[in-house]
Amino acid sequence: MATINESLQGLLKTDGALCAALVDYGSGMMLGSAGSGLDLELAAAGNTEVMRAKMKTMELLRIDDQIEDFLITLGRQYHLLRPVVAKKGVFMYFVLDRARANLALARRALVDAESALTF
């Protein structure tokens, strides 16, 4: 089991990792962060809107399923958002350098970080 900080620091060991955060999407506030490369406070707040919109859309469509992750592909970066199953209303946010990252390994690292996370 890992603390929030340990889980986020573990993500930074992934090839191409720039930064990571744990975010409460009810408030948009970060519960923890690691790394650098962008304003994580602003990114957490902005991506909260992405998470809320998709959750609301799934509810309206009555989709009885679970989101594994979101991938936002930029020219130079990957942004991954993963809802934390064990803690409703919380998601992990992971930013990677697209030129150096292996997306499959990054997604796997995110699954591992989430499963090890303790609150």
Protein backbone atom coordinates (compact mmCIF):
# COMPACT_ATOMS: atom_id res chain seq x y z
CA MET A 1 0.00 0.00 0.00
CA ALA A 2 1.18 3.52 -0.74
CA THR A 3 0.42 7.03 0.42
CA ILE A 4 -0.74 9.65 -2.06
CA ASN A 5 2.78 11.06 -2.30
CA GLU A 6 4.37 7.62 -2.77
CA SER A 7 1.90 6.73 -5.53
CA LEU A 8 2.51 9.98 -7.39
CA GLN A 9 6.28 9.75 -6.98
CA GLY A 10 6.10 6.18 -8.30
CA LEU A 11 4.40 7.43 -11.47
CA LEU A 12 7.32 9.77 -12.11
CA LYS A 13 9.58 6.73 -12.59
CA THR A 14 7.71 5.97 -15.83
CA ASP A 15 9.61 6.84 -19.02
CA GLY A 16 8.56 10.27 -20.22
CA ALA A 17 6.72 11.22 -17.01
CA LEU A 18 6.51 14.95 -16.35
CA CYS A 19 4.05 15.32 -13.49
CA ALA A 20 1.12 13.70 -11.73
CA ALA A 21 -1.65 14.72 -9.37
CA LEU A 22 -4.52 13.32 -7.37
CA VAL A 23 -7.59 15.52 -7.78
CA ASP A 24 -10.99 15.81 -6.09
CA TYR A 25 -13.37 16.48 -8.97
CA GLY A 26 -16.10 17.69 -6.66
CA SER A 27 -14.04 20.72 -5.75
CA GLY A 28 -11.30 20.73 -8.39
CA MET A 29 -8.68 20.78 -5.64
CA MET A 30 -5.48 18.78 -5.73
CA LEU A 31 -4.98 16.27 -2.94
CA GLY A 32 -1.36 15.75 -3.92
CA SER A 33 1.09 16.42 -6.73
CA ALA A 34 4.54 15.48 -7.99
CA GLY A 35 6.81 16.59 -10.80
CA SER A 36 6.85 19.71 -12.93
CA GLY A 37 6.29 20.96 -16.44
CA LEU A 38 2.98 22.75 -16.11
CA ASP A 39 0.79 24.55 -13.61
CA LEU A 40 -0.78 21.52 -11.91
CA GLU A 41 -3.26 23.61 -9.89
CA LEU A 42 -4.69 25.07 -13.09
CA ALA A 43 -4.56 21.74 -14.93
CA ALA A 44 -6.35 19.97 -12.06
CA ALA A 45 -9.13 22.53 -12.06
CA GLY A 46 -9.50 22.41 -15.85
CA ASN A 47 -9.50 18.63 -16.08
CA THR A 48 -12.08 18.50 -13.30
CA GLU A 49 -14.50 19.93 -15.87
CA VAL A 50 -13.62 17.13 -18.31
CA MET A 51 -14.26 14.51 -15.64
CA ARG A 52 -17.54 16.07 -14.51
CA ALA A 53 -18.82 16.40 -18.08
CA LYS A 54 -18.15 12.75 -18.91
CA MET A 55 -19.63 11.49 -15.64
CA LYS A 56 -22.76 13.55 -16.24
CA THR A 57 -23.04 12.36 -19.85
CA MET A 58 -22.76 8.72 -18.79
CA GLU A 59 -25.48 9.30 -16.20
CA LEU A 60 -27.79 10.99 -18.73
CA LEU A 61 -27.25 8.17 -21.22
CA ARG A 62 -27.78 5.61 -18.45
CA ILE A 63 -24.52 3.90 -19.32
CA ASP A 64 -23.98 1.34 -16.58
CA ASP A 65 -20.23 1.02 -16.91
CA GLN A 66 -17.04 2.35 -15.44
CA ILE A 67 -14.51 4.73 -17.02
CA GLU A 68 -11.03 3.23 -17.01
CA ASP A 69 -9.23 6.34 -18.21
CA PHE A 70 -9.25 9.31 -20.54
CA LEU A 71 -6.45 10.01 -22.97
CA ILE A 72 -5.89 13.53 -24.23
CA THR A 73 -3.27 13.52 -26.96
CA LEU A 74 -1.42 16.75 -27.61
CA GLY A 75 1.35 17.36 -30.12
CA ARG A 76 4.06 16.94 -27.48
CA GLN A 77 2.29 15.42 -24.49
CA TYR A 78 -0.12 12.75 -23.31
CA HIS A 79 -2.53 13.63 -20.52
CA LEU A 80 -4.14 10.65 -18.76
CA LEU A 81 -7.03 10.93 -16.32
CA ARG A 82 -8.10 7.89 -14.30
CA PRO A 83 -10.98 7.84 -11.79
CA VAL A 84 -9.99 6.17 -8.51
CA VAL A 85 -12.38 3.27 -8.00
CA ALA A 86 -11.82 3.05 -4.24
CA LYS A 87 -12.55 6.75 -3.68
CA LYS A 88 -15.55 8.16 -5.54
CA GLY A 89 -15.05 11.72 -6.74
CA VAL A 90 -11.26 11.47 -7.07
CA PHE A 91 -9.09 11.00 -10.16
CA MET A 92 -5.42 10.60 -10.96
CA TYR A 93 -3.93 12.96 -13.53
CA PHE A 94 -0.70 12.00 -15.30
CA VAL A 95 1.24 14.05 -17.87
CA LEU A 96 3.89 12.54 -20.12
CA ASP A 97 6.30 13.72 -22.79
CA ARG A 98 4.90 12.09 -25.93
CA ALA A 99 8.33 11.66 -27.58
CA ARG A 100 9.73 9.68 -24.63
CA ALA A 101 6.68 7.86 -23.27
CA ASN A 102 5.32 4.42 -24.00
CA LEU A 103 1.57 4.88 -23.68
CA ALA A 104 0.83 1.25 -22.81
CA LEU A 105 3.41 1.25 -20.02
CA ALA A 106 2.18 4.62 -18.76
CA ARG A 107 -1.41 3.36 -18.57
CA ARG A 108 -0.19 0.27 -16.71
CA ALA A 109 1.79 2.43 -14.26
CA LEU A 110 -1.37 4.45 -13.62
CA VAL A 111 -3.37 1.28 -12.86
CA ASP A 112 -0.64 0.11 -10.49
CA ALA A 113 -0.44 3.50 -8.74
CA GLU A 114 -4.19 3.58 -8.29
CA SER A 115 -4.40 0.05 -6.91
CA ALA A 116 -1.60 0.72 -4.40
CA LEU A 117 -3.12 3.99 -3.22
CA THR A 118 -4.37 4.20 0.36
CA PHE A 119 -6.40 7.02 1.89
